C-alpha atoms as a PDB file:
ATOM      1  CA  MET A   1       0.000   0.000   0.000  1.00  0.00           C
ATOM      2  CA  ALA A   2       1.391   3.357  -0.991  1.00  0.00           C
ATOM      3  CA  LYS A   3       2.124   5.717   1.826  1.00  0.00           C
ATOM      4  CA  SER A   4       0.118   8.916   1.789  1.00  0.00           C
ATOM      5  CA  HIS A   5       2.142  12.079   1.775  1.00  0.00           C
ATOM      6  CA  LEU A   6       0.725  14.720   4.083  1.00  0.00           C
ATOM      7  CA  ARG A   7       1.663  18.354   3.566  1.00  0.00           C
ATOM      8  CA  LEU A   8       1.460  20.555   6.595  1.00  0.00           C
ATOM      9  CA  ILE A   9       0.288  24.050   5.809  1.00  0.00           C
ATOM     10  CA  ALA A  10       1.222  26.768   8.269  1.00  0.00           C
ATOM     11  CA  PRO A  11      -1.724  28.865   9.367  1.00  0.00           C
ATOM     12  CA  HIS A  12      -1.892  32.329   7.811  1.00  0.00           C
ATOM     13  CA  THR A  13      -0.740  35.028  10.198  1.00  0.00           C
ATOM     14  CA  GLU A  14      -1.689  38.658   9.795  1.00  0.00           C
ATOM     15  CA  LYS A  15       0.845  41.240  10.785  1.00  0.00           C
ATOM     16  CA  ARG A  16      -0.690  44.178  12.582  1.00  0.00           C
ATOM     17  CA  THR A  17       1.008  47.399  13.520  1.00  0.00           C
ATOM     18  CA  VAL A  18       0.433  48.223  17.156  1.00  0.00           C
ATOM     19  CA  ALA A  19       0.306  51.939  17.784  1.00  0.00           C
ATOM     20  CA  PRO A  20       2.552  53.020  20.659  1.00  0.00           C
ATOM     21  CA  LYS A  21       0.610  53.835  23.796  1.00  0.00           C
ATOM     22  CA  ARG A  22       0.606  57.538  24.599  1.00  0.00           C
ATOM     23  CA  LEU A  23       2.151  58.345  27.930  1.00  0.00           C
ATOM     24  CA  PRO A  24       0.142  60.350  30.461  1.00  0.00           C
ATOM     25  CA  ASN A  25       0.750  64.110  30.407  1.00  0.00           C
ATOM     26  CA  ALA A  26       2.400  63.890  33.826  1.00  0.00           C
ATOM     27  CA  GLU A  27       5.097  61.652  32.324  1.00  0.00           C
ATOM     28  CA  LEU A  28       5.574  63.811  29.240  1.00  0.00           C
ATOM     29  CA  ARG A  29       6.038  67.079  31.138  1.00  0.00           C
ATOM     30  CA  THR A  30       7.678  67.891  34.439  1.00  0.00           C
ATOM     31  CA  ARG A  31       4.642  69.975  35.458  1.00  0.00           C
ATOM     32  CA  GLU A  32       1.206  70.830  34.158  1.00  0.00           C
ATOM     33  CA  TYR A  33       0.928  74.476  35.252  1.00  0.00           C
ATOM     34  CA  LEU A  34       2.497  77.811  34.443  1.00  0.00           C
ATOM     35  CA  THR A  35       3.906  80.257  36.957  1.00  0.00           C
ATOM     36  CA  GLU A  36       2.735  83.870  37.085  1.00  0.00           C
ATOM     37  CA  ALA A  37       6.006  84.950  35.493  1.00  0.00           C
ATOM     38  CA  GLU A  38       5.493  82.497  32.618  1.00  0.00           C
ATOM     39  CA  VAL A  39       1.956  83.779  32.036  1.00  0.00           C
ATOM     40  CA  ASP A  40       3.395  87.300  31.855  1.00  0.00           C
ATOM     41  CA  ARG A  41       5.878  86.071  29.246  1.00  0.00           C
ATOM     42  CA  LEU A  42       3.039  84.591  27.194  1.00  0.00           C
ATOM     43  CA  LEU A  43       1.187  87.906  27.350  1.00  0.00           C
ATOM     44  CA  GLU A  44       4.308  89.754  26.240  1.00  0.00           C
ATOM     45  CA  ALA A  45       4.794  87.290  23.376  1.00  0.00           C
ATOM     46  CA  THR A  46       1.316  87.958  21.952  1.00  0.00           C
ATOM     47  CA  LYS A  47       2.025  91.673  21.480  1.00  0.00           C
ATOM     48  CA  GLY A  48       3.691  90.967  18.150  1.00  0.00           C
ATOM     49  CA  ASN A  49       0.716  89.006  16.803  1.00  0.00           C
ATOM     50  CA  ARG A  50      -1.526  90.470  14.108  1.00  0.00           C
ATOM     51  CA  TRP A  51      -4.428  90.266  16.573  1.00  0.00           C
ATOM     52  CA  GLY A  52      -2.258  90.755  19.621  1.00  0.00           C
ATOM     53  CA  HIS A  53      -4.839  92.551  21.774  1.00  0.00           C
ATOM     54  CA  ARG A  54      -7.407  89.787  21.300  1.00  0.00           C
ATOM     55  CA  ASP A  55      -4.847  87.028  21.818  1.00  0.00           C
ATOM     56  CA  GLY A  56      -3.443  88.580  24.983  1.00  0.00           C
ATOM     57  CA  THR A  57      -6.954  89.138  26.350  1.00  0.00           C
ATOM     58  CA  MET A  58      -7.823  85.488  25.725  1.00  0.00           C
ATOM     59  CA  ILE A  59      -4.782  84.335  27.701  1.00  0.00           C
ATOM     60  CA  LEU A  60      -5.428  86.788  30.543  1.00  0.00           C
ATOM     61  CA  VAL A  61      -9.134  85.904  30.885  1.00  0.00           C
ATOM     62  CA  ALA A  62      -8.424  82.148  30.762  1.00  0.00           C
ATOM     63  CA  TYR A  63      -5.759  82.562  33.448  1.00  0.00           C
ATOM     64  CA  ARG A  64      -7.607  84.940  35.785  1.00  0.00           C
ATOM     65  CA  HIS A  65     -10.772  82.840  35.829  1.00  0.00           C
ATOM     66  CA  GLY A  66      -9.336  79.353  35.413  1.00  0.00           C
ATOM     67  CA  LEU A  67     -11.310  78.774  32.225  1.00  0.00           C
ATOM     68  CA  ARG A  68     -11.076  75.623  30.151  1.00  0.00           C
ATOM     69  CA  ALA A  69     -10.564  76.178  26.414  1.00  0.00           C
ATOM     70  CA  ALA A  70     -14.208  75.255  25.720  1.00  0.00           C
ATOM     71  CA  GLU A  71     -15.439  77.736  28.354  1.00  0.00           C
ATOM     72  CA  LEU A  72     -13.305  80.499  26.879  1.00  0.00           C
ATOM     73  CA  ALA A  73     -14.408  79.799  23.300  1.00  0.00           C
ATOM     74  CA  ASP A  74     -18.070  79.874  24.370  1.00  0.00           C
ATOM     75  CA  LEU A  75     -17.743  83.093  26.407  1.00  0.00           C
ATOM     76  CA  ARG A  76     -20.425  85.638  25.460  1.00  0.00           C
ATOM     77  CA  TRP A  77     -20.761  89.342  26.071  1.00  0.00           C
ATOM     78  CA  ASP A  78     -23.931  88.846  28.110  1.00  0.00           C
ATOM     79  CA  GLN A  79     -21.823  87.010  30.710  1.00  0.00           C
ATOM     80  CA  ILE A  80     -19.855  90.201  31.353  1.00  0.00           C
ATOM     81  CA  ASP A  81     -21.352  92.980  33.472  1.00  0.00           C
ATOM     82  CA  PHE A  82     -19.255  96.060  32.827  1.00  0.00           C
ATOM     83  CA  THR A  83     -21.193  98.117  35.392  1.00  0.00           C
ATOM     84  CA  THR A  84     -20.413  95.835  38.337  1.00  0.00           C
ATOM     85  CA  ALA A  85     -17.145  94.485  36.831  1.00  0.00           C
ATOM     86  CA  THR A  86     -18.231  90.870  37.182  1.00  0.00           C
ATOM     87  CA  LEU A  87     -18.050  87.772  35.004  1.00  0.00           C
ATOM     88  CA  HIS A  88     -20.730  85.107  35.147  1.00  0.00           C
ATOM     89  CA  VAL A  89     -18.802  81.886  34.601  1.00  0.00           C
ATOM     90  CA  ARG A  90     -20.552  78.893  33.060  1.00  0.00           C
ATOM     91  CA  ARG A  91     -18.616  75.670  33.496  1.00  0.00           C
ATOM     92  CA  VAL A  92     -18.482  72.555  31.334  1.00  0.00           C
ATOM     93  CA  LYS A  93     -18.109  68.988  32.685  1.00  0.00           C
ATOM     94  CA  GLN A  94     -20.979  69.621  35.119  1.00  0.00           C
ATOM     95  CA  GLY A  95     -18.882  72.189  36.956  1.00  0.00           C
ATOM     96  CA  SER A  96     -20.514  74.665  39.327  1.00  0.00           C
ATOM     97  CA  PRO A  97     -21.239  78.134  37.892  1.00  0.00           C
ATOM     98  CA  SER A  98     -19.961  81.180  39.753  1.00  0.00           C
ATOM     99  CA  THR A  99     -19.584  84.957  39.556  1.00  0.00           C
ATOM    100  CA  HIS A 100     -16.059  86.375  39.486  1.00  0.00           C
ATOM    101  CA  PRO A 101     -14.798  89.926  39.911  1.00  0.00           C
ATOM    102  CA  ILE A 102     -12.999  91.436  36.905  1.00  0.00           C
ATOM    103  CA  LEU A 103      -9.886  93.446  37.701  1.00  0.00           C
ATOM    104  CA  GLY A 104      -9.227  96.851  36.145  1.00  0.00           C
ATOM    105  CA  ASP A 105      -6.616  95.852  33.567  1.00  0.00           C
ATOM    106  CA  GLU A 106      -8.782  92.980  32.376  1.00  0.00           C
ATOM    107  CA  LEU A 107     -11.901  95.170  32.256  1.00  0.00           C
ATOM    108  CA  ARG A 108     -10.104  97.749  30.109  1.00  0.00           C
ATOM    109  CA  ARG A 109      -8.955  95.034  27.717  1.00  0.00           C
ATOM    110  CA  LEU A 110     -12.499  93.684  27.373  1.00  0.00           C
ATOM    111  CA  ARG A 111     -13.997  97.138  26.809  1.00  0.00           C
ATOM    112  CA  ARG A 112     -11.512  97.820  24.023  1.00  0.00           C
ATOM    113  CA  LEU A 113     -12.126  94.388  22.489  1.00  0.00           C
ATOM    114  CA  GLN A 114     -15.892  94.975  22.456  1.00  0.00           C
ATOM    115  CA  ARG A 115     -15.445  98.456  21.001  1.00  0.00           C
ATOM    116  CA  GLU A 116     -13.124  97.279  18.204  1.00  0.00           C
ATOM    117  CA  GLN A 117     -14.819  93.947  17.398  1.00  0.00           C
ATOM    118  CA  GLN A 118     -15.759  93.749  13.717  1.00  0.00           C
ATOM    119  CA  PRO A 119     -18.092  92.255  12.755  1.00  0.00           C
ATOM    120  CA  LYS A 120     -20.014  92.428  16.021  1.00  0.00           C
ATOM    121  CA  SER A 121     -20.790  89.087  17.630  1.00  0.00           C
ATOM    122  CA  PRO A 122     -22.509  87.728  20.738  1.00  0.00           C
ATOM    123  CA  PHE A 123     -19.236  85.875  21.373  1.00  0.00           C
ATOM    124  CA  VAL A 124     -16.350  87.675  23.068  1.00  0.00           C
ATOM    125  CA  PHE A 125     -13.538  86.046  21.104  1.00  0.00           C
ATOM    126  CA  THR A 126     -13.929  85.735  17.347  1.00  0.00           C
ATOM    127  CA  SER A 127     -11.838  85.047  14.266  1.00  0.00           C
ATOM    128  CA  GLU A 128     -11.193  87.476  11.400  1.00  0.00           C
ATOM    129  CA  ARG A 129     -14.398  86.261   9.760  1.00  0.00           C
ATOM    130  CA  GLY A 130     -16.462  86.857  12.863  1.00  0.00           C
ATOM    131  CA  ALA A 131     -16.899  83.199  13.783  1.00  0.00           C
ATOM    132  CA  PRO A 132     -16.454  82.104  17.416  1.00  0.00           C
ATOM    133  CA  PHE A 133     -12.832  81.308  18.180  1.00  0.00           C
ATOM    134  CA  THR A 134     -12.272  77.538  18.293  1.00  0.00           C
ATOM    135  CA  THR A 135     -10.562  75.534  21.024  1.00  0.00           C
ATOM    136  CA  ALA A 136      -8.090  74.228  18.428  1.00  0.00           C
ATOM    137  CA  GLY A 137      -7.272  77.771  17.329  1.00  0.00           C
ATOM    138  CA  PHE A 138      -6.703  78.812  20.924  1.00  0.00           C
ATOM    139  CA  ALA A 139      -4.419  75.810  21.486  1.00  0.00           C
ATOM    140  CA  ARG A 140      -2.327  76.744  18.439  1.00  0.00           C
ATOM    141  CA  MET A 141      -2.085  80.353  19.583  1.00  0.00           C
ATOM    142  CA  VAL A 142      -0.956  79.392  23.104  1.00  0.00           C
ATOM    143  CA  GLU A 143       1.606  76.967  21.721  1.00  0.00           C
ATOM    144  CA  ARG A 144       3.039  79.615  19.373  1.00  0.00           C
ATOM    145  CA  ALA A 145       3.182  82.136  22.223  1.00  0.00           C
ATOM    146  CA  GLY A 146       5.029  79.558  24.330  1.00  0.00           C
ATOM    147  CA  VAL A 147       7.634  79.139  21.597  1.00  0.00           C
ATOM    148  CA  GLN A 148       7.945  82.912  21.179  1.00  0.00           C
ATOM    149  CA  ALA A 149       8.316  83.294  24.956  1.00  0.00           C
ATOM    150  CA  ALA A 150      11.046  80.605  24.985  1.00  0.00           C
ATOM    151  CA  LEU A 151       9.392  78.672  27.803  1.00  0.00           C
ATOM    152  CA  GLY A 152      11.400  75.568  26.974  1.00  0.00           C
ATOM    153  CA  PHE A 153       8.365  73.269  26.891  1.00  0.00           C
ATOM    154  CA  LYS A 154       5.150  72.953  24.899  1.00  0.00           C
ATOM    155  CA  ALA A 155       2.474  75.221  26.363  1.00  0.00           C
ATOM    156  CA  HIS A 156      -1.193  74.268  26.122  1.00  0.00           C
ATOM    157  CA  PRO A 157      -4.431  76.032  27.194  1.00  0.00           C
ATOM    158  CA  HIS A 158      -5.190  73.850  30.229  1.00  0.00           C
ATOM    159  CA  MET A 159      -1.917  75.027  31.764  1.00  0.00           C
ATOM    160  CA  LEU A 160      -3.608  78.412  32.215  1.00  0.00           C
ATOM    161  CA  ARG A 161      -6.404  76.856  34.293  1.00  0.00           C
ATOM    162  CA  HIS A 162      -3.823  75.044  36.405  1.00  0.00           C
ATOM    163  CA  ALA A 163      -1.806  78.266  36.656  1.00  0.00           C
ATOM    164  CA  CYS A 164      -4.873  79.983  38.116  1.00  0.00           C
ATOM    165  CA  GLY A 165      -5.346  77.304  40.769  1.00  0.00           C
ATOM    166  CA  PHE A 166      -1.659  77.255  41.637  1.00  0.00           C
ATOM    167  CA  ALA A 167      -1.412  81.062  41.891  1.00  0.00           C
ATOM    168  CA  LEU A 168      -4.487  81.392  44.130  1.00  0.00           C
ATOM    169  CA  ALA A 169      -3.390  78.506  46.355  1.00  0.00           C
ATOM    170  CA  SER A 170       0.053  80.107  46.674  1.00  0.00           C
ATOM    171  CA  LYS A 171      -1.620  83.300  47.873  1.00  0.00           C
ATOM    172  CA  GLY A 172      -3.119  81.282  50.727  1.00  0.00           C
ATOM    173  CA  HIS A 173      -6.765  81.254  49.641  1.00  0.00           C
ATOM    174  CA  ASP A 174      -9.084  78.802  51.373  1.00  0.00           C
ATOM    175  CA  THR A 175      -9.442  75.462  49.594  1.00  0.00           C
ATOM    176  CA  ARG A 176     -13.248  75.565  49.680  1.00  0.00           C
ATOM    177  CA  ALA A 177     -13.294  79.056  48.175  1.00  0.00           C
ATOM    178  CA  LEU A 178     -10.823  77.938  45.528  1.00  0.00           C
ATOM    179  CA  GLN A 179     -13.035  74.935  44.765  1.00  0.00           C
ATOM    180  CA  ALA A 180     -16.003  77.241  44.162  1.00  0.00           C
ATOM    181  CA  TYR A 181     -13.919  79.641  42.068  1.00  0.00           C
ATOM    182  CA  LEU A 182     -12.742  76.868  39.735  1.00  0.00           C
ATOM    183  CA  GLY A 183     -16.113  75.135  39.689  1.00  0.00           C
ATOM    184  CA  HIS A 184     -14.828  71.766  40.913  1.00  0.00           C
ATOM    185  CA  LYS A 185     -17.533  69.295  41.943  1.00  0.00           C
ATOM    186  CA  ASN A 186     -14.951  67.189  43.779  1.00  0.00           C
ATOM    187  CA  ILE A 187     -12.676  68.989  46.236  1.00  0.00           C
ATOM    188  CA  GLN A 188      -9.937  66.438  45.551  1.00  0.00           C
ATOM    189  CA  HIS A 189      -9.405  68.192  42.216  1.00  0.00           C
ATOM    190  CA  THR A 190      -8.721  71.393  44.157  1.00  0.00           C
ATOM    191  CA  VAL A 191      -6.487  69.888  46.837  1.00  0.00           C
ATOM    192  CA  ARG A 192      -3.709  69.245  44.320  1.00  0.00           C
ATOM    193  CA  TYR A 193      -3.110  73.009  44.073  1.00  0.00           C
ATOM    194  CA  THR A 194      -2.648  73.407  47.813  1.00  0.00           C
ATOM    195  CA  GLU A 195      -0.351  70.379  47.767  1.00  0.00           C
ATOM    196  CA  LEU A 196       1.854  72.159  45.207  1.00  0.00           C
ATOM    197  CA  SER A 197       1.775  75.513  46.966  1.00  0.00           C
ATOM    198  CA  PRO A 198       5.188  76.636  48.285  1.00  0.00           C
ATOM    199  CA  THR A 199       3.445  78.459  51.149  1.00  0.00           C
ATOM    200  CA  ARG A 200       2.365  75.093  52.535  1.00  0.00           C
ATOM    201  CA  PHE A 201       5.814  74.667  54.098  1.00  0.00           C
ATOM    202  CA  ARG A 202       6.572  78.344  54.745  1.00  0.00           C
ATOM    203  CA  ASN A 203       6.999  78.015  58.509  1.00  0.00           C
ATOM    204  CA  PHE A 204       9.017  74.791  58.442  1.00  0.00           C
ATOM    205  CA  TRP A 205      12.437  75.048  60.147  1.00  0.00           C
ATOM    206  CA  ARG A 206      11.517  78.273  61.904  1.00  0.00           C
ATOM    207  CA  ASP A 207      11.580  78.720  65.667  1.00  0.00           C
END
């Protein structure tokens, strides 16, 4: 009887390219906030922009009020009360709304922006064509300002919100008040700023 010849066929294997896993922001950058001095450098860097007054005002408002990029892009004139110098902040991510005071330099910037805005819009920050400024456009502007300011790292809009929390915590403001100011539902999101504050250890090693 003739022997049967069996041919073994290797199963077909499909090669797939596995995309590298993106590292968390904390591992990509040494810190996620800007200092007050670095915010000042960003503001200085925007002065050379074609729309420098608008760009600088965007950075200042985002920083002073701890706004997320989406909150800044959606900011409308009816949220600003020029008579009482207050800003009615509407938060995303189910954050708590609040009313913030507007300081003099910021108020003057906003008055000028409203006066010079063409075409007029219900939105505070608009493009050349009058459309609401986008979060992506704001991110590109902040990144360019960071390069111009020679920060040495890639700047992004959320750093301004963190910079607000860090600056207010460093000034010794109460954690609960800071929580309300930033619109945090969970106070644990606010505690991280007090943990980073240099004033936390101010009296260490003193008699």
